[in-house]
Amino acid sequence: MKNTNLYKGSITTIILKLLNEHDKMYGYEITQKVRDITKNELQLTEGALYPALHKLKDQGLLDVEVLYVGNRVRKYYKLTEAGTKETVKKLSELESYIRNMRALVNPKYRDE
């Protein structure tokens, strides 16, 4: 990815969207899904992911389920009811942002 600053403000929305689609996921799974969807264009690092997950949990938007896989502990994250509502809000905000940026960058695509 050429400019990670463009994505930094969207990490929360990306996480919420993925969890909304996949019910529950663990951290590494989220990073791999982002990488796969963006064809390696966006690589979500653990240093960016886990603080965002902890913040979402502290805000009451995520629940954490701890499972033992073999002799390893794996934390699965899933949306709370408030998290599901926040996902809808964040996706709407992001769609509006994209629409406005598209209009600014290429006015012929402006939605009337």
N, C-alpha and C. Protein backbone atom coordinates (compact mmCIF):
# COMPACT_ATOMS: atom_id res chain seq x y z
N MET A 1 0.85 -1.17 0.00
CA MET A 1 0.00 0.00 0.00
C MET A 1 0.89 1.23 0.00
N LYS A 2 0.50 2.18 -0.77
CA LYS A 2 1.34 3.37 -0.96
C LYS A 2 1.23 4.36 0.19
N ASN A 3 0.03 4.58 0.74
CA ASN A 3 -0.15 5.59 1.77
C ASN A 3 -1.07 5.07 2.87
N THR A 4 -0.48 4.58 3.95
CA THR A 4 -1.28 4.03 5.04
C THR A 4 -2.10 5.08 5.76
N ASN A 5 -1.70 6.35 5.69
CA ASN A 5 -2.47 7.40 6.37
C ASN A 5 -3.89 7.49 5.86
N LEU A 6 -4.12 7.16 4.60
CA LEU A 6 -5.48 7.20 4.07
C LEU A 6 -6.38 6.16 4.72
N TYR A 7 -5.81 5.08 5.22
CA TYR A 7 -6.60 4.00 5.82
C TYR A 7 -6.74 4.09 7.33
N LYS A 8 -5.88 4.84 7.98
CA LYS A 8 -5.85 4.85 9.45
C LYS A 8 -7.19 5.20 10.08
N GLY A 9 -7.89 6.13 9.52
CA GLY A 9 -9.18 6.53 10.08
C GLY A 9 -10.29 5.53 9.81
N SER A 10 -10.01 4.51 9.03
CA SER A 10 -11.03 3.53 8.66
C SER A 10 -10.87 2.18 9.34
N ILE A 11 -9.86 2.02 10.17
CA ILE A 11 -9.60 0.72 10.79
C ILE A 11 -10.81 0.23 11.58
N THR A 12 -11.40 1.11 12.38
CA THR A 12 -12.57 0.73 13.17
C THR A 12 -13.70 0.23 12.27
N THR A 13 -13.96 0.96 11.20
CA THR A 13 -15.04 0.58 10.28
C THR A 13 -14.72 -0.76 9.61
N ILE A 14 -13.48 -0.96 9.24
CA ILE A 14 -13.06 -2.23 8.62
C ILE A 14 -13.31 -3.39 9.58
N ILE A 15 -12.90 -3.23 10.82
CA ILE A 15 -13.09 -4.29 11.82
C ILE A 15 -14.57 -4.57 12.04
N LEU A 16 -15.35 -3.53 12.24
CA LEU A 16 -16.79 -3.71 12.47
C LEU A 16 -17.45 -4.40 11.29
N LYS A 17 -17.11 -3.99 10.08
CA LYS A 17 -17.70 -4.58 8.88
C LYS A 17 -17.37 -6.08 8.78
N LEU A 18 -16.10 -6.43 9.00
CA LEU A 18 -15.71 -7.84 8.92
C LEU A 18 -16.42 -8.68 9.98
N LEU A 19 -16.50 -8.16 11.20
CA LEU A 19 -17.18 -8.91 12.25
C LEU A 19 -18.68 -9.02 11.99
N ASN A 20 -19.24 -8.02 11.36
CA ASN A 20 -20.66 -8.07 11.00
C ASN A 20 -20.91 -9.16 9.96
N GLU A 21 -19.97 -9.36 9.07
CA GLU A 21 -20.10 -10.37 8.01
C GLU A 21 -19.75 -11.78 8.48
N HIS A 22 -18.87 -11.91 9.46
CA HIS A 22 -18.34 -13.22 9.82
C HIS A 22 -18.67 -13.66 11.24
N ASP A 23 -19.57 -12.99 11.90
CA ASP A 23 -20.02 -13.32 13.25
C ASP A 23 -18.92 -13.17 14.29
N LYS A 24 -17.89 -14.00 14.24
CA LYS A 24 -16.78 -13.84 15.18
C LYS A 24 -15.48 -14.19 14.46
N MET A 25 -14.42 -13.49 14.86
CA MET A 25 -13.11 -13.69 14.25
C MET A 25 -12.03 -13.45 15.31
N TYR A 26 -10.89 -14.06 15.13
CA TYR A 26 -9.74 -13.76 15.99
C TYR A 26 -8.81 -12.81 15.25
N GLY A 27 -7.90 -12.19 15.98
CA GLY A 27 -7.09 -11.11 15.43
C GLY A 27 -6.35 -11.45 14.15
N TYR A 28 -5.60 -12.54 14.16
CA TYR A 28 -4.83 -12.91 12.98
C TYR A 28 -5.74 -13.15 11.78
N GLU A 29 -6.89 -13.73 12.04
CA GLU A 29 -7.88 -13.98 10.98
C GLU A 29 -8.34 -12.66 10.35
N ILE A 30 -8.52 -11.64 11.17
CA ILE A 30 -8.91 -10.32 10.66
C ILE A 30 -7.81 -9.76 9.76
N THR A 31 -6.56 -9.84 10.21
CA THR A 31 -5.46 -9.31 9.38
C THR A 31 -5.37 -10.03 8.05
N GLN A 32 -5.56 -11.34 8.06
CA GLN A 32 -5.48 -12.11 6.82
C GLN A 32 -6.65 -11.81 5.89
N LYS A 33 -7.83 -11.61 6.44
CA LYS A 33 -9.01 -11.31 5.63
C LYS A 33 -8.83 -9.96 4.94
N VAL A 34 -8.31 -8.97 5.67
CA VAL A 34 -8.05 -7.65 5.08
C VAL A 34 -7.04 -7.78 3.94
N ARG A 35 -5.98 -8.53 4.19
CA ARG A 35 -4.96 -8.74 3.17
C ARG A 35 -5.55 -9.42 1.94
N ASP A 36 -6.36 -10.45 2.15
CA ASP A 36 -6.97 -11.19 1.02
C ASP A 36 -7.93 -10.31 0.22
N ILE A 37 -8.79 -9.61 0.91
CA ILE A 37 -9.79 -8.77 0.23
C ILE A 37 -9.13 -7.68 -0.59
N THR A 38 -8.05 -7.10 -0.06
CA THR A 38 -7.39 -5.99 -0.75
C THR A 38 -6.23 -6.45 -1.64
N LYS A 39 -6.10 -7.76 -1.80
CA LYS A 39 -5.03 -8.33 -2.64
C LYS A 39 -3.66 -7.79 -2.23
N ASN A 40 -3.41 -7.82 -0.93
CA ASN A 40 -2.15 -7.37 -0.32
C ASN A 40 -1.93 -5.86 -0.37
N GLU A 41 -2.90 -5.09 -0.82
CA GLU A 41 -2.75 -3.64 -0.89
C GLU A 41 -2.75 -3.03 0.51
N LEU A 42 -3.59 -3.57 1.39
CA LEU A 42 -3.66 -3.09 2.77
C LEU A 42 -3.24 -4.23 3.68
N GLN A 43 -2.25 -3.98 4.50
CA GLN A 43 -1.79 -4.96 5.47
C GLN A 43 -2.00 -4.38 6.86
N LEU A 44 -3.00 -4.86 7.52
CA LEU A 44 -3.35 -4.39 8.86
C LEU A 44 -2.41 -5.05 9.85
N THR A 45 -1.57 -4.26 10.50
CA THR A 45 -0.58 -4.80 11.43
C THR A 45 -1.21 -5.06 12.79
N GLU A 46 -0.57 -5.94 13.54
CA GLU A 46 -1.03 -6.21 14.90
C GLU A 46 -0.96 -4.95 15.76
N GLY A 47 0.04 -4.11 15.48
CA GLY A 47 0.20 -2.87 16.23
C GLY A 47 -0.93 -1.88 16.02
N ALA A 48 -1.63 -2.00 14.91
CA ALA A 48 -2.80 -1.16 14.65
C ALA A 48 -4.09 -1.88 15.05
N LEU A 49 -4.12 -3.20 14.83
CA LEU A 49 -5.33 -3.97 15.06
C LEU A 49 -5.70 -4.08 16.54
N TYR A 50 -4.77 -4.55 17.36
CA TYR A 50 -5.14 -4.86 18.75
C TYR A 50 -5.54 -3.65 19.58
N PRO A 51 -4.87 -2.50 19.43
CA PRO A 51 -5.39 -1.32 20.15
C PRO A 51 -6.81 -0.95 19.71
N ALA A 52 -7.09 -1.11 18.43
CA ALA A 52 -8.44 -0.82 17.93
C ALA A 52 -9.46 -1.81 18.51
N LEU A 53 -9.10 -3.09 18.55
CA LEU A 53 -10.00 -4.11 19.12
C LEU A 53 -10.25 -3.82 20.60
N HIS A 54 -9.20 -3.48 21.34
CA HIS A 54 -9.36 -3.19 22.77
C HIS A 54 -10.24 -1.95 22.99
N LYS A 55 -10.06 -0.95 22.16
CA LYS A 55 -10.87 0.26 22.27
C LYS A 55 -12.34 -0.05 21.99
N LEU A 56 -12.61 -0.84 20.95
CA LEU A 56 -13.99 -1.22 20.62
C LEU A 56 -14.61 -2.04 21.76
N LYS A 57 -13.82 -2.91 22.37
CA LYS A 57 -14.31 -3.69 23.51
C LYS A 57 -14.63 -2.76 24.68
N ASP A 58 -13.72 -1.82 24.97
CA ASP A 58 -13.94 -0.88 26.07
C ASP A 58 -15.17 -0.01 25.84
N GLN A 59 -15.50 0.26 24.59
CA GLN A 59 -16.67 1.06 24.25
C GLN A 59 -17.96 0.24 24.27
N GLY A 60 -17.85 -1.04 24.54
CA GLY A 60 -19.02 -1.92 24.60
C GLY A 60 -19.51 -2.37 23.23
N LEU A 61 -18.68 -2.25 22.21
CA LEU A 61 -19.08 -2.62 20.86
C LEU A 61 -18.70 -4.05 20.50
N LEU A 62 -17.77 -4.63 21.27
CA LEU A 62 -17.33 -6.00 21.03
C LEU A 62 -17.38 -6.82 22.31
N ASP A 63 -17.66 -8.10 22.15
CA ASP A 63 -17.49 -9.09 23.20
C ASP A 63 -16.30 -9.96 22.82
N VAL A 64 -15.65 -10.53 23.82
CA VAL A 64 -14.52 -11.41 23.58
C VAL A 64 -14.85 -12.79 24.14
N GLU A 65 -14.61 -13.80 23.33
CA GLU A 65 -14.79 -15.19 23.74
C GLU A 65 -13.41 -15.86 23.68
N VAL A 66 -12.99 -16.43 24.78
CA VAL A 66 -11.69 -17.09 24.84
C VAL A 66 -11.89 -18.59 24.66
N LEU A 67 -11.21 -19.15 23.67
CA LEU A 67 -11.27 -20.58 23.41
C LEU A 67 -9.86 -21.15 23.41
N TYR A 68 -9.77 -22.38 23.80
CA TYR A 68 -8.48 -23.07 23.76
C TYR A 68 -8.43 -23.93 22.50
N VAL A 69 -7.43 -23.68 21.68
CA VAL A 69 -7.21 -24.43 20.46
C VAL A 69 -5.90 -25.17 20.66
N GLY A 70 -6.00 -26.47 20.91
CA GLY A 70 -4.81 -27.21 21.30
C GLY A 70 -4.35 -26.68 22.64
N ASN A 71 -3.10 -26.26 22.72
CA ASN A 71 -2.62 -25.68 23.98
C ASN A 71 -2.45 -24.17 23.86
N ARG A 72 -3.15 -23.59 22.87
CA ARG A 72 -3.08 -22.14 22.67
C ARG A 72 -4.41 -21.49 23.03
N VAL A 73 -4.33 -20.28 23.51
CA VAL A 73 -5.53 -19.49 23.81
C VAL A 73 -5.81 -18.62 22.59
N ARG A 74 -7.05 -18.63 22.16
CA ARG A 74 -7.43 -17.79 21.02
C ARG A 74 -8.63 -16.94 21.45
N LYS A 75 -8.50 -15.62 21.24
CA LYS A 75 -9.58 -14.70 21.58
C LYS A 75 -10.38 -14.41 20.32
N TYR A 76 -11.66 -14.71 20.38
CA TYR A 76 -12.57 -14.40 19.29
C TYR A 76 -13.35 -13.14 19.65
N TYR A 77 -13.45 -12.26 18.69
CA TYR A 77 -14.18 -11.00 18.87
C TYR A 77 -15.48 -11.07 18.10
N LYS A 78 -16.53 -10.58 18.71
CA LYS A 78 -17.82 -10.52 18.03
C LYS A 78 -18.55 -9.25 18.45
N LEU A 79 -19.45 -8.80 17.58
CA LEU A 79 -20.18 -7.57 17.84
C LEU A 79 -21.22 -7.75 18.92
N THR A 80 -21.37 -6.74 19.74
CA THR A 80 -22.50 -6.66 20.65
C THR A 80 -23.67 -6.04 19.86
N GLU A 81 -24.80 -5.92 20.48
CA GLU A 81 -25.93 -5.25 19.83
C GLU A 81 -25.57 -3.80 19.50
N ALA A 82 -24.91 -3.14 20.43
CA ALA A 82 -24.46 -1.76 20.19
C ALA A 82 -23.44 -1.73 19.06
N GLY A 83 -22.60 -2.76 18.97
CA GLY A 83 -21.61 -2.84 17.90
C GLY A 83 -22.26 -2.98 16.53
N THR A 84 -23.34 -3.73 16.47
CA THR A 84 -24.07 -3.89 15.21
C THR A 84 -24.66 -2.55 14.77
N LYS A 85 -25.23 -1.81 15.71
CA LYS A 85 -25.78 -0.49 15.39
C LYS A 85 -24.68 0.47 14.96
N GLU A 86 -23.54 0.42 15.63
CA GLU A 86 -22.41 1.29 15.29
C GLU A 86 -21.87 0.95 13.90
N THR A 87 -21.90 -0.32 13.53
CA THR A 87 -21.45 -0.73 12.20
C THR A 87 -22.27 -0.05 11.12
N VAL A 88 -23.57 -0.06 11.29
CA VAL A 88 -24.47 0.59 10.32
C VAL A 88 -24.12 2.07 10.21
N LYS A 89 -23.93 2.72 11.34
CA LYS A 89 -23.60 4.15 11.37
C LYS A 89 -22.26 4.42 10.68
N LYS A 90 -21.24 3.64 11.03
CA LYS A 90 -19.90 3.84 10.47
C LYS A 90 -19.88 3.59 8.96
N LEU A 91 -20.59 2.58 8.50
CA LEU A 91 -20.63 2.30 7.06
C LEU A 91 -21.33 3.42 6.30
N SER A 92 -22.38 3.97 6.89
CA SER A 92 -23.07 5.10 6.27
C SER A 92 -22.15 6.31 6.17
N GLU A 93 -21.41 6.58 7.25
CA GLU A 93 -20.46 7.70 7.25
C GLU A 93 -19.37 7.49 6.19
N LEU A 94 -18.88 6.26 6.09
CA LEU A 94 -17.83 5.96 5.12
C LEU A 94 -18.34 6.09 3.69
N GLU A 95 -19.54 5.62 3.43
CA GLU A 95 -20.12 5.76 2.09
C GLU A 95 -20.28 7.22 1.71
N SER A 96 -20.70 8.04 2.65
CA SER A 96 -20.83 9.48 2.40
C SER A 96 -19.47 10.10 2.10
N TYR A 97 -18.47 9.71 2.87
CA TYR A 97 -17.11 10.20 2.66
C TYR A 97 -16.61 9.82 1.27
N ILE A 98 -16.79 8.57 0.90
CA ILE A 98 -16.34 8.10 -0.43
C ILE A 98 -17.06 8.86 -1.54
N ARG A 99 -18.35 9.06 -1.38
CA ARG A 99 -19.14 9.79 -2.37
C ARG A 99 -18.61 11.22 -2.52
N ASN A 100 -18.33 11.87 -1.40
CA ASN A 100 -17.82 13.24 -1.44
C ASN A 100 -16.42 13.32 -2.03
N MET A 101 -15.57 12.37 -1.68
CA MET A 101 -14.22 12.35 -2.25
C MET A 101 -14.27 12.10 -3.76
N ARG A 102 -15.16 11.21 -4.18
CA ARG A 102 -15.31 10.94 -5.61
C ARG A 102 -15.76 12.20 -6.34
N ALA A 103 -16.67 12.95 -5.75
CA ALA A 103 -17.15 14.19 -6.37
C ALA A 103 -16.04 15.24 -6.44
N LEU A 104 -15.19 15.27 -5.42
CA LEU A 104 -14.09 16.23 -5.42
C LEU A 104 -12.99 15.84 -6.40
N VAL A 105 -12.67 14.57 -6.46
CA VAL A 105 -11.58 14.10 -7.31
C VAL A 105 -12.00 14.03 -8.78
N ASN A 106 -13.23 13.60 -9.00
CA ASN A 106 -13.71 13.44 -10.36
C ASN A 106 -15.16 13.93 -10.44
N PRO A 107 -15.36 15.23 -10.63
CA PRO A 107 -16.70 15.82 -10.58
C PRO A 107 -17.72 15.20 -11.55
N LYS A 108 -17.29 14.57 -12.60
CA LYS A 108 -18.26 13.99 -13.52
C LYS A 108 -19.01 12.82 -12.91
N TYR A 109 -18.51 12.25 -11.80
CA TYR A 109 -19.19 11.16 -11.12
C TYR A 109 -20.03 11.64 -9.95
N ARG A 110 -20.18 12.92 -9.82
CA ARG A 110 -20.93 13.49 -8.70
C ARG A 110 -22.38 13.01 -8.73
N ASP A 111 -22.86 12.55 -7.58
CA ASP A 111 -24.26 12.12 -7.45
C ASP A 111 -25.12 13.38 -7.33
N GLU A 112 -26.10 13.47 -8.11
CA GLU A 112 -27.01 14.63 -8.06
C GLU A 112 -28.21 14.31 -7.22
